[in-house]
Amino acid sequence: MKHFVAIAGNIGVGKSTLASLLSDELGWDPYQLQGLEEVVFRR
């Protein structure tokens, strides 16, 4: 069974740092979805 952890938050709050710490502690491989930072929401 595969497990996934999603991390969300504002810019500069430490999402990448948390992902790195979790991957080291749990022995998981981090995976970052590319392009999501470029999403523009329009009305």
PDB file of N, CA and C in Angstrom:
ATOM      1  N   MET A   1       0.849  -1.173   0.000  1.00  0.00           N
ATOM      2  CA  MET A   1       0.000   0.000   0.000  1.00  0.00           C
ATOM      3  C   MET A   1       0.896   1.237   0.000  1.00  0.00           C
ATOM      4  N   LYS A   2       0.596   2.183  -0.879  1.00  0.00           N
ATOM      5  CA  LYS A   2       1.369   3.420  -0.928  1.00  0.00           C
ATOM      6  C   LYS A   2       0.723   4.471  -0.044  1.00  0.00           C
ATOM      7  N   HIS A   3       1.568   5.282   0.555  1.00  0.00           N
ATOM      8  CA  HIS A   3       1.099   6.381   1.385  1.00  0.00           C
ATOM      9  C   HIS A   3       1.581   7.689   0.785  1.00  0.00           C
ATOM     10  N   PHE A   4       0.773   8.707   0.898  1.00  0.00           N
ATOM     11  CA  PHE A   4       1.122  10.027   0.407  1.00  0.00           C
ATOM     12  C   PHE A   4       0.901  11.048   1.509  1.00  0.00           C
ATOM     13  N   VAL A   5       1.772  12.021   1.573  1.00  0.00           N
ATOM     14  CA  VAL A   5       1.618  13.138   2.495  1.00  0.00           C
ATOM     15  C   VAL A   5       1.640  14.398   1.653  1.00  0.00           C
ATOM     16  N   ALA A   6       0.625  15.219   1.793  1.00  0.00           N
ATOM     17  CA  ALA A   6       0.570  16.495   1.075  1.00  0.00           C
ATOM     18  C   ALA A   6       0.891  17.615   2.053  1.00  0.00           C
ATOM     19  N   ILE A   7       1.713  18.548   1.599  1.00  0.00           N
ATOM     20  CA  ILE A   7       2.089  19.694   2.422  1.00  0.00           C
ATOM     21  C   ILE A   7       1.663  20.949   1.679  1.00  0.00           C
ATOM     22  N   ALA A   8       0.895  21.783   2.335  1.00  0.00           N
ATOM     23  CA  ALA A   8       0.425  23.029   1.720  1.00  0.00           C
ATOM     24  C   ALA A   8       0.668  24.178   2.678  1.00  0.00           C
ATOM     25  N   GLY A   9       0.860  25.354   2.126  1.00  0.00           N
ATOM     26  CA  GLY A   9       1.064  26.526   2.969  1.00  0.00           C
ATOM     27  C   GLY A   9       1.494  27.723   2.156  1.00  0.00           C
ATOM     28  N   ASN A  10       1.560  28.834   2.811  1.00  0.00           N
ATOM     29  CA  ASN A  10       1.956  30.077   2.158  1.00  0.00           C
ATOM     30  C   ASN A  10       3.435  30.056   1.794  1.00  0.00           C
ATOM     31  N   ILE A  11       3.828  30.996   0.965  1.00  0.00           N
ATOM     32  CA  ILE A  11       5.220  31.134   0.551  1.00  0.00           C
ATOM     33  C   ILE A  11       6.081  31.456   1.766  1.00  0.00           C
ATOM     34  N   GLY A  12       7.193  30.738   1.894  1.00  0.00           N
ATOM     35  CA  GLY A  12       8.172  31.044   2.931  1.00  0.00           C
ATOM     36  C   GLY A  12       7.896  30.491   4.314  1.00  0.00           C
ATOM     37  N   VAL A  13       6.947  29.565   4.441  1.00  0.00           N
ATOM     38  CA  VAL A  13       6.643  29.035   5.773  1.00  0.00           C
ATOM     39  C   VAL A  13       7.402  27.751   6.103  1.00  0.00           C
ATOM     40  N   GLY A  14       8.165  27.218   5.135  1.00  0.00           N
ATOM     41  CA  GLY A  14       8.990  26.049   5.409  1.00  0.00           C
ATOM     42  C   GLY A  14       8.467  24.731   4.864  1.00  0.00           C
ATOM     43  N   LYS A  15       7.680  24.770   3.808  1.00  0.00           N
ATOM     44  CA  LYS A  15       7.151  23.532   3.229  1.00  0.00           C
ATOM     45  C   LYS A  15       8.267  22.611   2.744  1.00  0.00           C
ATOM     46  N   SER A  16       9.239  23.174   2.042  1.00  0.00           N
ATOM     47  CA  SER A  16      10.354  22.364   1.526  1.00  0.00           C
ATOM     48  C   SER A  16      11.194  21.804   2.664  1.00  0.00           C
ATOM     49  N   THR A  17      11.415  22.592   3.687  1.00  0.00           N
ATOM     50  CA  THR A  17      12.175  22.128   4.850  1.00  0.00           C
ATOM     51  C   THR A  17      11.437  20.994   5.544  1.00  0.00           C
ATOM     52  N   LEU A  18      10.140  21.144   5.736  1.00  0.00           N
ATOM     53  CA  LEU A  18       9.337  20.093   6.359  1.00  0.00           C
ATOM     54  C   LEU A  18       9.360  18.823   5.521  1.00  0.00           C
ATOM     55  N   ALA A  19       9.223  18.960   4.205  1.00  0.00           N
ATOM     56  CA  ALA A  19       9.252  17.787   3.329  1.00  0.00           C
ATOM     57  C   ALA A  19      10.591  17.065   3.436  1.00  0.00           C
ATOM     58  N   SER A  20      11.664  17.821   3.497  1.00  0.00           N
ATOM     59  CA  SER A  20      12.998  17.229   3.634  1.00  0.00           C
ATOM     60  C   SER A  20      13.146  16.500   4.966  1.00  0.00           C
ATOM     61  N   LEU A  21      12.705  17.124   6.040  1.00  0.00           N
ATOM     62  CA  LEU A  21      12.783  16.496   7.362  1.00  0.00           C
ATOM     63  C   LEU A  21      11.939  15.224   7.430  1.00  0.00           C
ATOM     64  N   LEU A  22      10.732  15.282   6.878  1.00  0.00           N
ATOM     65  CA  LEU A  22       9.863  14.107   6.886  1.00  0.00           C
ATOM     66  C   LEU A  22      10.450  12.972   6.059  1.00  0.00           C
ATOM     67  N   SER A  23      10.990  13.301   4.891  1.00  0.00           N
ATOM     68  CA  SER A  23      11.555  12.249   4.044  1.00  0.00           C
ATOM     69  C   SER A  23      12.757  11.592   4.713  1.00  0.00           C
ATOM     70  N   ASP A  24      13.576  12.383   5.406  1.00  0.00           N
ATOM     71  CA  ASP A  24      14.716  11.817   6.133  1.00  0.00           C
ATOM     72  C   ASP A  24      14.254  10.932   7.289  1.00  0.00           C
ATOM     73  N   GLU A  25      13.286  11.399   8.036  1.00  0.00           N
ATOM     74  CA  GLU A  25      12.814  10.680   9.221  1.00  0.00           C
ATOM     75  C   GLU A  25      12.073   9.392   8.863  1.00  0.00           C
ATOM     76  N   LEU A  26      11.246   9.456   7.813  1.00  0.00           N
ATOM     77  CA  LEU A  26      10.411   8.314   7.450  1.00  0.00           C
ATOM     78  C   LEU A  26      11.048   7.413   6.398  1.00  0.00           C
ATOM     79  N   GLY A  27      12.151   7.882   5.793  1.00  0.00           N
ATOM     80  CA  GLY A  27      12.792   7.091   4.753  1.00  0.00           C
ATOM     81  C   GLY A  27      12.021   7.080   3.449  1.00  0.00           C
ATOM     82  N   TRP A  28      11.222   8.092   3.235  1.00  0.00           N
ATOM     83  CA  TRP A  28      10.431   8.197   2.012  1.00  0.00           C
ATOM     84  C   TRP A  28      11.167   9.039   0.992  1.00  0.00           C
ATOM     85  N   ASP A  29      10.784   8.883  -0.275  1.00  0.00           N
ATOM     86  CA  ASP A  29      11.333   9.714  -1.342  1.00  0.00           C
ATOM     87  C   ASP A  29      10.394  10.890  -1.581  1.00  0.00           C
ATOM     88  N   PRO A  30      10.890  12.108  -1.446  1.00  0.00           N
ATOM     89  CA  PRO A  30      10.023  13.263  -1.703  1.00  0.00           C
ATOM     90  C   PRO A  30       9.729  13.393  -3.189  1.00  0.00           C
ATOM     91  N   TYR A  31       8.528  13.854  -3.502  1.00  0.00           N
ATOM     92  CA  TYR A  31       8.114  14.058  -4.884  1.00  0.00           C
ATOM     93  C   TYR A  31       7.394  15.385  -4.951  1.00  0.00           C
ATOM     94  N   GLN A  32       7.865  16.257  -5.812  1.00  0.00           N
ATOM     95  CA  GLN A  32       7.243  17.569  -5.938  1.00  0.00           C
ATOM     96  C   GLN A  32       6.566  17.664  -7.293  1.00  0.00           C
ATOM     97  N   LEU A  33       5.296  18.008  -7.291  1.00  0.00           N
ATOM     98  CA  LEU A  33       4.588  18.212  -8.546  1.00  0.00           C
ATOM     99  C   LEU A  33       5.108  19.478  -9.199  1.00  0.00           C
ATOM    100  N   GLN A  34       5.562  19.359 -10.403  1.00  0.00           N
ATOM    101  CA  GLN A  34       6.126  20.502 -11.111  1.00  0.00           C
ATOM    102  C   GLN A  34       5.014  21.344 -11.730  1.00  0.00           C
ATOM    103  N   GLY A  35       5.219  22.637 -11.742  1.00  0.00           N
ATOM    104  CA  GLY A  35       4.293  23.536 -12.412  1.00  0.00           C
ATOM    105  C   GLY A  35       3.168  24.060 -11.550  1.00  0.00           C
ATOM    106  N   LEU A  36       2.963  23.501 -10.379  1.00  0.00           N
ATOM    107  CA  LEU A  36       1.854  23.973  -9.562  1.00  0.00           C
ATOM    108  C   LEU A  36       2.095  25.372  -9.027  1.00  0.00           C
ATOM    109  N   GLU A  37       3.362  25.766  -8.905  1.00  0.00           N
ATOM    110  CA  GLU A  37       3.661  27.117  -8.438  1.00  0.00           C
ATOM    111  C   GLU A  37       3.252  28.161  -9.478  1.00  0.00           C
ATOM    112  N   GLU A  38       3.071  27.699 -10.722  1.00  0.00           N
ATOM    113  CA  GLU A  38       2.762  28.608 -11.824  1.00  0.00           C
ATOM    114  C   GLU A  38       1.256  28.777 -12.048  1.00  0.00           C
ATOM    115  N   VAL A  39       0.454  28.101 -11.271  1.00  0.00           N
ATOM    116  CA  VAL A  39      -0.994  28.157 -11.484  1.00  0.00           C
ATOM    117  C   VAL A  39      -1.514  29.558 -11.184  1.00  0.00           C
ATOM    118  N   VAL A  40      -2.294  30.077 -12.111  1.00  0.00           N
ATOM    119  CA  VAL A  40      -2.907  31.395 -11.938  1.00  0.00           C
ATOM    120  C   VAL A  40      -4.408  31.189 -11.846  1.00  0.00           C
ATOM    121  N   PHE A  41      -5.013  31.710 -10.795  1.00  0.00           N
ATOM    122  CA  PHE A  41      -6.456  31.613 -10.626  1.00  0.00           C
ATOM    123  C   PHE A  41      -7.100  32.879 -11.165  1.00  0.00           C
ATOM    124  N   ARG A  42      -8.112  32.686 -11.979  1.00  0.00           N
ATOM    125  CA  ARG A  42      -8.810  33.830 -12.573  1.00  0.00           C
ATOM    126  C   ARG A  42     -10.293  33.715 -12.280  1.00  0.00           C
ATOM    127  N   ARG A  43     -10.924  34.869 -12.226  1.00  0.00           N
ATOM    128  CA  ARG A  43     -12.379  34.871 -12.025  1.00  0.00           C
ATOM    129  C   ARG A  43     -13.088  34.640 -13.316  1.00  0.00           C
TER     130      ARG A  43
END
